[in-house]
């Protein structure tokens, strides 16, 4: 079992999470999915010396970093120490003017070299 370090959670889950399992957090906006996930990673890094990876599909990584400071979790510091990686996998982002644009870091343009027969 993996202890989450989240008060009360391990107890209601029978001791923690099953190592190697895939966990899906589901809920509406503001239900705490990001906070729960970051707290789990943060506790793993601080308490167990285990590195973590967070992949965001909707939220801006800078906003996540800023919001988590309210809990005293300095994610940027952990990133600088190479203990945490935050991957921005949002399919679209917003420009400073508010326009929606594709997240070009997700796509690699490859030409079709050679001929097709």
PDB file of N, CA and C in Angstrom:
ATOM      1  N   UNK A   1       0.826  -1.181   0.000  1.00  0.00           N
ATOM      2  CA  UNK A   1       0.000   0.000   0.000  1.00  0.00           C
ATOM      3  C   UNK A   1       0.878   1.256   0.000  1.00  0.00           C
ATOM      4  N   UNK A   2       0.366   2.271  -0.639  1.00  0.00           N
ATOM      5  CA  UNK A   2       1.031   3.567  -0.670  1.00  0.00           C
ATOM      6  C   UNK A   2       0.197   4.522   0.172  1.00  0.00           C
ATOM      7  N   UNK A   3       0.817   5.131   1.156  1.00  0.00           N
ATOM      8  CA  UNK A   3       0.125   6.097   1.983  1.00  0.00           C
ATOM      9  C   UNK A   3       0.101   7.437   1.263  1.00  0.00           C
ATOM     10  N   UNK A   4      -1.070   8.046   1.209  1.00  0.00           N
ATOM     11  CA  UNK A   4      -1.219   9.315   0.498  1.00  0.00           C
ATOM     12  C   UNK A   4      -0.703  10.495   1.303  1.00  0.00           C
ATOM     13  N   UNK A   5      -0.710  10.365   2.604  1.00  0.00           N
ATOM     14  CA  UNK A   5      -0.345  11.487   3.446  1.00  0.00           C
ATOM     15  C   UNK A   5      -1.481  12.488   3.579  1.00  0.00           C
ATOM     16  N   UNK A   6      -2.646  12.158   3.055  1.00  0.00           N
ATOM     17  CA  UNK A   6      -3.806  13.034   3.123  1.00  0.00           C
ATOM     18  C   UNK A   6      -4.668  12.579   4.298  1.00  0.00           C
ATOM     19  N   UNK A   7      -4.817  13.474   5.258  1.00  0.00           N
ATOM     20  CA  UNK A   7      -5.499  13.149   6.501  1.00  0.00           C
ATOM     21  C   UNK A   7      -6.876  12.520   6.246  1.00  0.00           C
ATOM     22  N   UNK A   8      -7.074  11.336   6.803  1.00  0.00           N
ATOM     23  CA  UNK A   8      -8.355  10.641   6.707  1.00  0.00           C
ATOM     24  C   UNK A   8      -8.522   9.791   5.460  1.00  0.00           C
ATOM     25  N   UNK A   9      -7.816  10.138   4.382  1.00  0.00           N
ATOM     26  CA  UNK A   9      -8.021   9.418   3.129  1.00  0.00           C
ATOM     27  C   UNK A   9      -7.535   7.972   3.219  1.00  0.00           C
ATOM     28  N   UNK A  10      -6.336   7.770   3.750  1.00  0.00           N
ATOM     29  CA  UNK A  10      -5.800   6.413   3.839  1.00  0.00           C
ATOM     30  C   UNK A  10      -6.700   5.522   4.697  1.00  0.00           C
ATOM     31  N   UNK A  11      -7.252   6.098   5.723  1.00  0.00           N
ATOM     32  CA  UNK A  11      -8.122   5.329   6.622  1.00  0.00           C
ATOM     33  C   UNK A  11      -9.381   4.842   5.894  1.00  0.00           C
ATOM     34  N   UNK A  12     -10.024   5.709   5.113  1.00  0.00           N
ATOM     35  CA  UNK A  12     -11.251   5.280   4.432  1.00  0.00           C
ATOM     36  C   UNK A  12     -10.954   4.376   3.242  1.00  0.00           C
ATOM     37  N   UNK A  13      -9.688   4.342   2.798  1.00  0.00           N
ATOM     38  CA  UNK A  13      -9.306   3.474   1.675  1.00  0.00           C
ATOM     39  C   UNK A  13      -8.627   2.194   2.144  1.00  0.00           C
ATOM     40  N   UNK A  14      -8.727   1.884   3.403  1.00  0.00           N
ATOM     41  CA  UNK A  14      -8.149   0.646   3.904  1.00  0.00           C
ATOM     42  C   UNK A  14      -6.645   0.683   4.022  1.00  0.00           C
ATOM     43  N   UNK A  15      -6.083   1.840   4.229  1.00  0.00           N
ATOM     44  CA  UNK A  15      -4.640   1.941   4.440  1.00  0.00           C
ATOM     45  C   UNK A  15      -3.896   2.719   3.382  1.00  0.00           C
ATOM     46  N   UNK A  16      -4.527   3.033   2.305  1.00  0.00           N
ATOM     47  CA  UNK A  16      -3.867   3.801   1.248  1.00  0.00           C
ATOM     48  C   UNK A  16      -4.239   3.274  -0.126  1.00  0.00           C
ATOM     49  N   UNK A  17      -3.398   3.581  -1.084  1.00  0.00           N
ATOM     50  CA  UNK A  17      -3.628   3.174  -2.472  1.00  0.00           C
ATOM     51  C   UNK A  17      -2.791   1.944  -2.800  1.00  0.00           C
ATOM     52  N   UNK A  18      -3.315   1.109  -3.664  1.00  0.00           N
ATOM     53  CA  UNK A  18      -2.598  -0.098  -4.072  1.00  0.00           C
ATOM     54  C   UNK A  18      -1.464   0.298  -5.014  1.00  0.00           C
ATOM     55  N   UNK A  19      -0.243  -0.086  -4.652  1.00  0.00           N
ATOM     56  CA  UNK A  19       0.925   0.228  -5.481  1.00  0.00           C
ATOM     57  C   UNK A  19       0.729  -0.349  -6.886  1.00  0.00           C
ATOM     58  N   UNK A  20       1.021   0.468  -7.893  1.00  0.00           N
ATOM     59  CA  UNK A  20       0.915   0.033  -9.274  1.00  0.00           C
ATOM     60  C   UNK A  20      -0.477   0.187  -9.868  1.00  0.00           C
ATOM     61  N   UNK A  21      -1.416   0.644  -9.060  1.00  0.00           N
ATOM     62  CA  UNK A  21      -2.774   0.796  -9.582  1.00  0.00           C
ATOM     63  C   UNK A  21      -2.910   2.119 -10.328  1.00  0.00           C
ATOM     64  N   UNK A  22      -3.922   2.192 -11.146  1.00  0.00           N
ATOM     65  CA  UNK A  22      -4.234   3.407 -11.897  1.00  0.00           C
ATOM     66  C   UNK A  22      -5.466   4.024 -11.241  1.00  0.00           C
ATOM     67  N   UNK A  23      -5.339   5.269 -10.820  1.00  0.00           N
ATOM     68  CA  UNK A  23      -6.417   5.937 -10.091  1.00  0.00           C
ATOM     69  C   UNK A  23      -6.979   7.058 -10.947  1.00  0.00           C
ATOM     70  N   UNK A  24      -8.283   7.123 -11.070  1.00  0.00           N
ATOM     71  CA  UNK A  24      -8.955   8.196 -11.791  1.00  0.00           C
ATOM     72  C   UNK A  24      -9.708   9.049 -10.781  1.00  0.00           C
ATOM     73  N   UNK A  25      -9.399  10.340 -10.768  1.00  0.00           N
ATOM     74  CA  UNK A  25     -10.163  11.285  -9.950  1.00  0.00           C
ATOM     75  C   UNK A  25     -11.191  11.934 -10.851  1.00  0.00           C
ATOM     76  N   UNK A  26     -12.419  11.906 -10.413  1.00  0.00           N
ATOM     77  CA  UNK A  26     -13.509  12.435 -11.222  1.00  0.00           C
ATOM     78  C   UNK A  26     -14.303  13.433 -10.395  1.00  0.00           C
ATOM     79  N   UNK A  27     -14.638  14.550 -11.003  1.00  0.00           N
ATOM     80  CA  UNK A  27     -15.460  15.539 -10.319  1.00  0.00           C
ATOM     81  C   UNK A  27     -15.539  16.805 -11.141  1.00  0.00           C
ATOM     82  N   UNK A  28     -16.468  17.626 -10.801  1.00  0.00           N
ATOM     83  CA  UNK A  28     -16.663  18.886 -11.502  1.00  0.00           C
ATOM     84  C   UNK A  28     -15.590  19.907 -11.155  1.00  0.00           C
ATOM     85  N   UNK A  29     -15.639  21.045 -11.846  1.00  0.00           N
ATOM     86  CA  UNK A  29     -14.692  22.121 -11.546  1.00  0.00           C
ATOM     87  C   UNK A  29     -14.792  22.539 -10.082  1.00  0.00           C
ATOM     88  N   UNK A  30     -13.646  22.679  -9.443  1.00  0.00           N
ATOM     89  CA  UNK A  30     -13.625  23.121  -8.051  1.00  0.00           C
ATOM     90  C   UNK A  30     -13.837  22.034  -7.026  1.00  0.00           C
ATOM     91  N   UNK A  31     -13.898  20.768  -7.468  1.00  0.00           N
ATOM     92  CA  UNK A  31     -14.148  19.680  -6.522  1.00  0.00           C
ATOM     93  C   UNK A  31     -12.887  19.207  -5.801  1.00  0.00           C
ATOM     94  N   UNK A  32     -11.719  19.689  -6.227  1.00  0.00           N
ATOM     95  CA  UNK A  32     -10.488  19.372  -5.507  1.00  0.00           C
ATOM     96  C   UNK A  32      -9.579  18.348  -6.157  1.00  0.00           C
ATOM     97  N   UNK A  33      -9.818  18.018  -7.411  1.00  0.00           N
ATOM     98  CA  UNK A  33      -9.000  17.000  -8.094  1.00  0.00           C
ATOM     99  C   UNK A  33      -7.526  17.412  -8.160  1.00  0.00           C
ATOM    100  N   UNK A  34      -7.283  18.641  -8.560  1.00  0.00           N
ATOM    101  CA  UNK A  34      -5.899  19.116  -8.678  1.00  0.00           C
ATOM    102  C   UNK A  34      -5.245  19.200  -7.308  1.00  0.00           C
ATOM    103  N   UNK A  35      -5.951  19.750  -6.344  1.00  0.00           N
ATOM    104  CA  UNK A  35      -5.391  19.880  -4.995  1.00  0.00           C
ATOM    105  C   UNK A  35      -5.074  18.511  -4.410  1.00  0.00           C
ATOM    106  N   UNK A  36      -5.988  17.559  -4.567  1.00  0.00           N
ATOM    107  CA  UNK A  36      -5.752  16.205  -4.072  1.00  0.00           C
ATOM    108  C   UNK A  36      -4.498  15.612  -4.719  1.00  0.00           C
ATOM    109  N   UNK A  37      -4.417  15.738  -6.038  1.00  0.00           N
ATOM    110  CA  UNK A  37      -3.295  15.156  -6.778  1.00  0.00           C
ATOM    111  C   UNK A  37      -1.966  15.787  -6.384  1.00  0.00           C
ATOM    112  N   UNK A  38      -1.950  17.102  -6.295  1.00  0.00           N
ATOM    113  CA  UNK A  38      -0.719  17.790  -5.919  1.00  0.00           C
ATOM    114  C   UNK A  38      -0.338  17.452  -4.480  1.00  0.00           C
ATOM    115  N   UNK A  39      -1.313  17.358  -3.590  1.00  0.00           N
ATOM    116  CA  UNK A  39      -1.013  17.000  -2.205  1.00  0.00           C
ATOM    117  C   UNK A  39      -0.410  15.598  -2.132  1.00  0.00           C
ATOM    118  N   UNK A  40      -0.952  14.676  -2.898  1.00  0.00           N
ATOM    119  CA  UNK A  40      -0.403  13.313  -2.940  1.00  0.00           C
ATOM    120  C   UNK A  40       1.044  13.340  -3.427  1.00  0.00           C
ATOM    121  N   UNK A  41       1.300  14.067  -4.524  1.00  0.00           N
ATOM    122  CA  UNK A  41       2.669  14.150  -5.047  1.00  0.00           C
ATOM    123  C   UNK A  41       3.599  14.859  -4.072  1.00  0.00           C
ATOM    124  N   UNK A  42       3.132  15.970  -3.508  1.00  0.00           N
ATOM    125  CA  UNK A  42       3.942  16.749  -2.573  1.00  0.00           C
ATOM    126  C   UNK A  42       4.340  15.891  -1.363  1.00  0.00           C
ATOM    127  N   UNK A  43       3.363  15.184  -0.800  1.00  0.00           N
ATOM    128  CA  UNK A  43       3.653  14.325   0.349  1.00  0.00           C
ATOM    129  C   UNK A  43       4.632  13.218  -0.019  1.00  0.00           C
ATOM    130  N   UNK A  44       4.471  12.650  -1.214  1.00  0.00           N
ATOM    131  CA  UNK A  44       5.402  11.615  -1.663  1.00  0.00           C
ATOM    132  C   UNK A  44       6.827  12.142  -1.803  1.00  0.00           C
ATOM    133  N   UNK A  45       6.954  13.358  -2.293  1.00  0.00           N
ATOM    134  CA  UNK A  45       8.282  13.962  -2.463  1.00  0.00           C
ATOM    135  C   UNK A  45       8.896  14.284  -1.103  1.00  0.00           C
ATOM    136  N   UNK A  46       8.150  14.948  -0.247  1.00  0.00           N
ATOM    137  CA  UNK A  46       8.672  15.416   1.037  1.00  0.00           C
ATOM    138  C   UNK A  46       8.861  14.269   2.029  1.00  0.00           C
ATOM    139  N   UNK A  47       7.859  13.412   2.157  1.00  0.00           N
ATOM    140  CA  UNK A  47       7.903  12.371   3.186  1.00  0.00           C
ATOM    141  C   UNK A  47       8.631  11.103   2.742  1.00  0.00           C
ATOM    142  N   UNK A  48       8.524  10.747   1.466  1.00  0.00           N
ATOM    143  CA  UNK A  48       9.061   9.469   1.005  1.00  0.00           C
ATOM    144  C   UNK A  48      10.225   9.593   0.028  1.00  0.00           C
ATOM    145  N   UNK A  49      10.602  10.833  -0.285  1.00  0.00           N
ATOM    146  CA  UNK A  49      11.716  11.088  -1.217  1.00  0.00           C
ATOM    147  C   UNK A  49      11.469  10.463  -2.589  1.00  0.00           C
ATOM    148  N   UNK A  50      10.185  10.418  -3.007  1.00  0.00           N
ATOM    149  CA  UNK A  50       9.814   9.879  -4.312  1.00  0.00           C
ATOM    150  C   UNK A  50       9.504  11.025  -5.258  1.00  0.00           C
ATOM    151  N   UNK A  51      10.125  11.075  -6.442  1.00  0.00           N
ATOM    152  CA  UNK A  51       9.826  12.153  -7.395  1.00  0.00           C
ATOM    153  C   UNK A  51       8.407  12.008  -7.936  1.00  0.00           C
ATOM    154  N   UNK A  52       7.881  13.097  -8.497  1.00  0.00           N
ATOM    155  CA  UNK A  52       6.521  13.070  -9.009  1.00  0.00           C
ATOM    156  C   UNK A  52       6.384  13.755 -10.347  1.00  0.00           C
ATOM    157  N   UNK A  53       5.340  13.355 -11.076  1.00  0.00           N
ATOM    158  CA  UNK A  53       4.996  13.954 -12.365  1.00  0.00           C
ATOM    159  C   UNK A  53       3.513  14.315 -12.319  1.00  0.00           C
ATOM    160  N   UNK A  54       3.202  15.569 -12.674  1.00  0.00           N
ATOM    161  CA  UNK A  54       1.814  16.014 -12.753  1.00  0.00           C
ATOM    162  C   UNK A  54       1.549  16.443 -14.186  1.00  0.00           C
ATOM    163  N   UNK A  55       0.510  15.884 -14.786  1.00  0.00           N
ATOM    164  CA  UNK A  55       0.142  16.235 -16.160  1.00  0.00           C
ATOM    165  C   UNK A  55      -1.178  16.993 -16.100  1.00  0.00           C
ATOM    166  N   UNK A  56      -1.156  18.222 -16.597  1.00  0.00           N
ATOM    167  CA  UNK A  56      -2.372  19.016 -16.599  1.00  0.00           C
ATOM    168  C   UNK A  56      -2.994  19.013 -17.988  1.00  0.00           C
ATOM    169  N   UNK A  57      -4.290  18.746 -18.015  1.00  0.00           N
ATOM    170  CA  UNK A  57      -5.024  18.718 -19.274  1.00  0.00           C
ATOM    171  C   UNK A  57      -5.879  19.959 -19.475  1.00  0.00           C
ATOM    172  N   UNK A  58      -6.093  20.740 -18.412  1.00  0.00           N
ATOM    173  CA  UNK A  58      -6.920  21.951 -18.570  1.00  0.00           C
ATOM    174  C   UNK A  58      -6.343  23.180 -17.893  1.00  0.00           C
ATOM    175  N   UNK A  59      -5.725  23.033 -16.749  1.00  0.00           N
ATOM    176  CA  UNK A  59      -5.288  24.207 -16.001  1.00  0.00           C
ATOM    177  C   UNK A  59      -3.895  24.667 -16.423  1.00  0.00           C
ATOM    178  N   UNK A  60      -3.706  25.971 -16.369  1.00  0.00           N
ATOM    179  CA  UNK A  60      -2.411  26.574 -16.654  1.00  0.00           C
ATOM    180  C   UNK A  60      -1.436  26.195 -15.536  1.00  0.00           C
ATOM    181  N   UNK A  61      -0.266  25.635 -15.862  1.00  0.00           N
ATOM    182  CA  UNK A  61       0.694  25.253 -14.831  1.00  0.00           C
ATOM    183  C   UNK A  61       1.085  26.397 -13.894  1.00  0.00           C
ATOM    184  N   UNK A  62       1.181  27.619 -14.425  1.00  0.00           N
ATOM    185  CA  UNK A  62       1.525  28.750 -13.559  1.00  0.00           C
ATOM    186  C   UNK A  62       0.423  29.031 -12.547  1.00  0.00           C
ATOM    187  N   UNK A  63      -0.830  28.850 -12.953  1.00  0.00           N
ATOM    188  CA  UNK A  63      -1.946  29.033 -12.025  1.00  0.00           C
ATOM    189  C   UNK A  63      -1.931  27.944 -10.950  1.00  0.00           C
ATOM    190  N   UNK A  64      -1.601  26.734 -11.345  1.00  0.00           N
ATOM    191  CA  UNK A  64      -1.510  25.642 -10.371  1.00  0.00           C
ATOM    192  C   UNK A  64      -0.427  25.959  -9.353  1.00  0.00           C
ATOM    193  N   UNK A  65       0.742  26.362  -9.837  1.00  0.00           N
ATOM    194  CA  UNK A  65       1.844  26.706  -8.927  1.00  0.00           C
ATOM    195  C   UNK A  65       1.415  27.794  -7.947  1.00  0.00           C
ATOM    196  N   UNK A  66       0.766  28.825  -8.474  1.00  0.00           N
ATOM    197  CA  UNK A  66       0.315  29.950  -7.652  1.00  0.00           C
ATOM    198  C   UNK A  66      -0.728  29.497  -6.631  1.00  0.00           C
ATOM    199  N   UNK A  67      -1.714  28.728  -7.067  1.00  0.00           N
ATOM    200  CA  UNK A  67      -2.778  28.277  -6.174  1.00  0.00           C
ATOM    201  C   UNK A  67      -2.253  27.379  -5.053  1.00  0.00           C
ATOM    202  N   UNK A  68      -1.270  26.558  -5.337  1.00  0.00           N
ATOM    203  CA  UNK A  68      -0.761  25.625  -4.341  1.00  0.00           C
ATOM    204  C   UNK A  68       0.073  26.320  -3.270  1.00  0.00           C
ATOM    205  N   UNK A  69       0.545  27.526  -3.551  1.00  0.00           N
ATOM    206  CA  UNK A  69       1.265  28.298  -2.533  1.00  0.00           C
ATOM    207  C   UNK A  69       0.366  28.606  -1.334  1.00  0.00           C
ATOM    208  N   UNK A  70      -0.948  28.645  -1.551  1.00  0.00           N
ATOM    209  CA  UNK A  70      -1.881  28.885  -0.450  1.00  0.00           C
ATOM    210  C   UNK A  70      -1.796  27.782   0.603  1.00  0.00           C
ATOM    211  N   UNK A  71      -1.349  26.603   0.212  1.00  0.00           N
ATOM    212  CA  UNK A  71      -1.183  25.479   1.139  1.00  0.00           C
ATOM    213  C   UNK A  71       0.259  25.372   1.641  1.00  0.00           C
ATOM    214  N   UNK A  72       1.114  26.268   1.153  1.00  0.00           N
ATOM    215  CA  UNK A  72       2.522  26.221   1.535  1.00  0.00           C
ATOM    216  C   UNK A  72       3.338  25.281   0.681  1.00  0.00           C
ATOM    217  N   UNK A  73       2.802  24.867  -0.459  1.00  0.00           N
ATOM    218  CA  UNK A  73       3.490  23.929  -1.344  1.00  0.00           C
ATOM    219  C   UNK A  73       4.168  24.707  -2.459  1.00  0.00           C
ATOM    220  N   UNK A  74       5.477  24.853  -2.379  1.00  0.00           N
ATOM    221  CA  UNK A  74       6.249  25.590  -3.377  1.00  0.00           C
ATOM    222  C   UNK A  74       6.663  24.625  -4.485  1.00  0.00           C
ATOM    223  N   UNK A  75       5.803  24.498  -5.489  1.00  0.00           N
ATOM    224  CA  UNK A  75       6.058  23.545  -6.573  1.00  0.00           C
ATOM    225  C   UNK A  75       7.247  23.954  -7.417  1.00  0.00           C
ATOM    226  N   UNK A  76       7.422  25.249  -7.628  1.00  0.00           N
ATOM    227  CA  UNK A  76       8.551  25.720  -8.439  1.00  0.00           C
ATOM    228  C   UNK A  76       9.874  25.268  -7.809  1.00  0.00           C
ATOM    229  N   UNK A  77       9.967  25.350  -6.505  1.00  0.00           N
ATOM    230  CA  UNK A  77      11.184  24.908  -5.802  1.00  0.00           C
ATOM    231  C   UNK A  77      11.437  23.416  -6.044  1.00  0.00           C
ATOM    232  N   UNK A  78      10.368  22.610  -5.962  1.00  0.00           N
ATOM    233  CA  UNK A  78      10.518  21.173  -6.204  1.00  0.00           C
ATOM    234  C   UNK A  78      10.910  20.899  -7.653  1.00  0.00           C
ATOM    235  N   UNK A  79      10.393  21.702  -8.591  1.00  0.00           N
ATOM    236  CA  UNK A  79      10.767  21.555  -9.998  1.00  0.00           C
ATOM    237  C   UNK A  79      12.242  21.894 -10.195  1.00  0.00           C
ATOM    238  N   UNK A  80      12.692  22.961  -9.558  1.00  0.00           N
ATOM    239  CA  UNK A  80      14.100  23.363  -9.673  1.00  0.00           C
ATOM    240  C   UNK A  80      15.023  22.299  -9.105  1.00  0.00           C
ATOM    241  N   UNK A  81      14.559  21.594  -8.080  1.00  0.00           N
ATOM    242  CA  UNK A  81      15.337  20.522  -7.461  1.00  0.00           C
ATOM    243  C   UNK A  81      15.207  19.196  -8.218  1.00  0.00           C
ATOM    244  N   UNK A  82      14.467  19.224  -9.335  1.00  0.00           N
ATOM    245  CA  UNK A  82      14.245  18.033 -10.177  1.00  0.00           C
ATOM    246  C   UNK A  82      13.502  16.928  -9.429  1.00  0.00           C
ATOM    247  N   UNK A  83      12.647  17.322  -8.489  1.00  0.00           N
ATOM    248  CA  UNK A  83      11.847  16.363  -7.740  1.00  0.00           C
ATOM    249  C   UNK A  83      10.426  16.269  -8.285  1.00  0.00           C
ATOM    250  N   UNK A  84      10.014  17.292  -9.039  1.00  0.00           N
ATOM    251  CA  UNK A  84       8.673  17.344  -9.596  1.00  0.00           C
ATOM    252  C   UNK A  84       8.752  17.863 -11.022  1.00  0.00           C
ATOM    253  N   UNK A  85       7.960  17.243 -11.895  1.00  0.00           N
ATOM    254  CA  UNK A  85       7.823  17.717 -13.269  1.00  0.00           C
ATOM    255  C   UNK A  85       6.349  17.978 -13.503  1.00  0.00           C
ATOM    256  N   UNK A  86       6.040  19.163 -14.033  1.00  0.00           N
ATOM    257  CA  UNK A  86       4.670  19.485 -14.417  1.00  0.00           C
ATOM    258  C   UNK A  86       4.639  19.555 -15.934  1.00  0.00           C
ATOM    259  N   UNK A  87       3.810  18.720 -16.538  1.00  0.00           N
ATOM    260  CA  UNK A  87       3.700  18.652 -17.996  1.00  0.00           C
ATOM    261  C   UNK A  87       2.399  19.327 -18.421  1.00  0.00           C
ATOM    262  N   UNK A  88       2.529  20.292 -19.300  1.00  0.00           N
ATOM    263  CA  UNK A  88       1.364  21.004 -19.828  1.00  0.00           C
ATOM    264  C   UNK A  88       0.869  20.262 -21.060  1.00  0.00           C
ATOM    265  N   UNK A  89      -0.195  19.471 -20.891  1.00  0.00           N
ATOM    266  CA  UNK A  89      -0.738  18.683 -21.996  1.00  0.00           C
ATOM    267  C   UNK A  89      -2.101  19.210 -22.427  1.00  0.00           C
ATOM    268  N   UNK A  90      -2.339  20.498 -22.183  1.00  0.00           N
ATOM    269  CA  UNK A  90      -3.600  21.088 -22.634  1.00  0.00           C
ATOM    270  C   UNK A  90      -3.597  21.133 -24.154  1.00  0.00           C
ATOM    271  N   UNK A  91      -4.648  20.658 -24.800  1.00  0.00           N
ATOM    272  CA  UNK A  91      -4.672  20.675 -26.267  1.00  0.00           C
ATOM    273  C   UNK A  91      -4.759  22.085 -26.836  1.00  0.00           C
ATOM    274  N   UNK A  92      -5.331  23.009 -26.076  1.00  0.00           N
ATOM    275  CA  UNK A  92      -5.391  24.409 -26.509  1.00  0.00           C
ATOM    276  C   UNK A  92      -4.997  25.296 -25.335  1.00  0.00           C
ATOM    277  N   UNK A  93      -4.496  26.476 -25.661  1.00  0.00           N
ATOM    278  CA  UNK A  93      -4.165  27.475 -24.653  1.00  0.00           C
ATOM    279  C   UNK A  93      -4.766  28.800 -25.087  1.00  0.00           C
ATOM    280  N   UNK A  94      -4.615  29.794 -24.259  1.00  0.00           N
ATOM    281  CA  UNK A  94      -5.135  31.121 -24.551  1.00  0.00           C
ATOM    282  C   UNK A  94      -3.988  32.108 -24.694  1.00  0.00           C
ATOM    283  N   UNK A  95      -4.091  32.979 -25.687  1.00  0.00           N
ATOM    284  CA  UNK A  95      -3.105  34.040 -25.839  1.00  0.00           C
ATOM    285  C   UNK A  95      -3.406  35.118 -24.799  1.00  0.00           C
ATOM    286  N   UNK A  96      -2.505  36.075 -24.662  1.00  0.00           N
ATOM    287  CA  UNK A  96      -2.730  37.183 -23.734  1.00  0.00           C
ATOM    288  C   UNK A  96      -3.965  37.989 -24.120  1.00  0.00           C
ATOM    289  N   UNK A  97      -4.324  37.943 -25.402  1.00  0.00           N
ATOM    290  CA  UNK A  97      -5.510  38.658 -25.878  1.00  0.00           C
ATOM    291  C   UNK A  97      -6.791  37.844 -25.720  1.00  0.00           C
ATOM    292  N   UNK A  98      -6.684  36.604 -25.240  1.00  0.00           N
ATOM    293  CA  UNK A  98      -7.862  35.783 -25.013  1.00  0.00           C
ATOM    294  C   UNK A  98      -8.251  34.872 -26.159  1.00  0.00           C
ATOM    295  N   UNK A  99      -7.383  34.772 -27.174  1.00  0.00           N
ATOM    296  CA  UNK A  99      -7.688  33.886 -28.293  1.00  0.00           C
ATOM    297  C   UNK A  99      -7.289  32.452 -27.956  1.00  0.00           C
ATOM    298  N   UNK A 100      -8.070  31.510 -28.457  1.00  0.00           N
ATOM    299  CA  UNK A 100      -7.761  30.098 -28.278  1.00  0.00           C
ATOM    300  C   UNK A 100      -6.825  29.662 -29.396  1.00  0.00           C
ATOM    301  N   UNK A 101      -5.705  29.028 -28.999  1.00  0.00           N
ATOM    302  CA  UNK A 101      -4.732  28.549 -29.983  1.00  0.00           C
ATOM    303  C   UNK A 101      -4.314  27.124 -29.610  1.00  0.00           C
ATOM    304  N   UNK A 102      -3.905  26.320 -30.608  1.00  0.00           N
ATOM    305  CA  UNK A 102      -3.429  24.968 -30.296  1.00  0.00           C
ATOM    306  C   UNK A 102      -2.153  25.040 -29.461  1.00  0.00           C
ATOM    307  N   UNK A 103      -1.978  24.085 -28.593  1.00  0.00           N
ATOM    308  CA  UNK A 103      -0.754  23.981 -27.804  1.00  0.00           C
ATOM    309  C   UNK A 103       0.281  23.285 -28.691  1.00  0.00           C
ATOM    310  N   UNK A 104       1.086  24.057 -29.374  1.00  0.00           N
ATOM    311  CA  UNK A 104       2.020  23.518 -30.359  1.00  0.00           C
ATOM    312  C   UNK A 104       3.118  22.646 -29.763  1.00  0.00           C
ATOM    313  N   UNK A 105       3.324  22.717 -28.452  1.00  0.00           N
ATOM    314  CA  UNK A 105       4.344  21.865 -27.850  1.00  0.00           C
ATOM    315  C   UNK A 105       3.919  20.406 -27.846  1.00  0.00           C
ATOM    316  N   UNK A 106       2.627  20.140 -28.071  1.00  0.00           N
ATOM    317  CA  UNK A 106       2.139  18.760 -28.085  1.00  0.00           C
ATOM    318  C   UNK A 106       2.280  18.090 -29.439  1.00  0.00           C
ATOM    319  N   UNK A 107       2.440  18.894 -30.475  1.00  0.00           N
ATOM    320  CA  UNK A 107       2.421  18.358 -31.823  1.00  0.00           C
ATOM    321  C   UNK A 107       3.786  18.494 -32.477  1.00  0.00           C
ATOM    322  N   UNK A 108       4.174  17.482 -33.186  1.00  0.00           N
ATOM    323  CA  UNK A 108       5.440  17.512 -33.915  1.00  0.00           C
ATOM    324  C   UNK A 108       5.112  17.354 -35.387  1.00  0.00           C
ATOM    325  N   UNK A 109       5.472  18.361 -36.160  1.00  0.00           N
ATOM    326  CA  UNK A 109       5.211  18.296 -37.595  1.00  0.00           C
ATOM    327  C   UNK A 109       6.263  17.421 -38.235  1.00  0.00           C
ATOM    328  N   UNK A 110       5.812  16.465 -38.995  1.00  0.00           N
ATOM    329  CA  UNK A 110       6.716  15.588 -39.707  1.00  0.00           C
ATOM    330  C   UNK A 110       6.307  15.560 -41.169  1.00  0.00           C
ATOM    331  N   UNK A 111       7.264  15.731 -42.033  1.00  0.00           N
ATOM    332  CA  UNK A 111       6.980  15.670 -43.459  1.00  0.00           C
ATOM    333  C   UNK A 111       6.865  14.228 -43.920  1.00  0.00           C
ATOM    334  N   UNK A 112       6.280  14.054 -45.050  1.00  0.00           N
ATOM    335  CA  UNK A 112       6.155  12.711 -45.634  1.00  0.00           C
ATOM    336  C   UNK A 112       7.262  12.580 -46.668  1.00  0.00           C
ATOM    337  N   UNK A 113       8.389  12.042 -46.230  1.00  0.00           N
ATOM    338  CA  UNK A 113       9.488  11.867 -47.140  1.00  0.00           C
ATOM    339  C   UNK A 113       9.357  10.539 -47.882  1.00  0.00           C
ATOM    340  N   UNK A 114       9.910  10.518 -49.045  1.00  0.00           N
ATOM    341  CA  UNK A 114       9.838   9.297 -49.845  1.00  0.00           C
ATOM    342  C   UNK A 114       8.550   9.262 -50.625  1.00  0.00           C
ATOM    343  N   UNK A 115       8.389   8.228 -51.359  1.00  0.00           N
ATOM    344  CA  UNK A 115       7.173   8.121 -52.175  1.00  0.00           C
ATOM    345  C   UNK A 115       6.337   6.966 -51.666  1.00  0.00           C
ATOM    346  N   UNK A 116       5.047   7.106 -51.861  1.00  0.00           N
ATOM    347  CA  UNK A 116       4.106   6.060 -51.500  1.00  0.00           C
ATOM    348  C   UNK A 116       3.723   5.308 -52.757  1.00  0.00           C
ATOM    349  N   UNK A 117       3.780   4.010 -52.726  1.00  0.00           N
ATOM    350  CA  UNK A 117       3.387   3.247 -53.899  1.00  0.00           C
ATOM    351  C   UNK A 117       2.052   2.600 -53.705  1.00  0.00           C
TER     352      UNK A 117
END
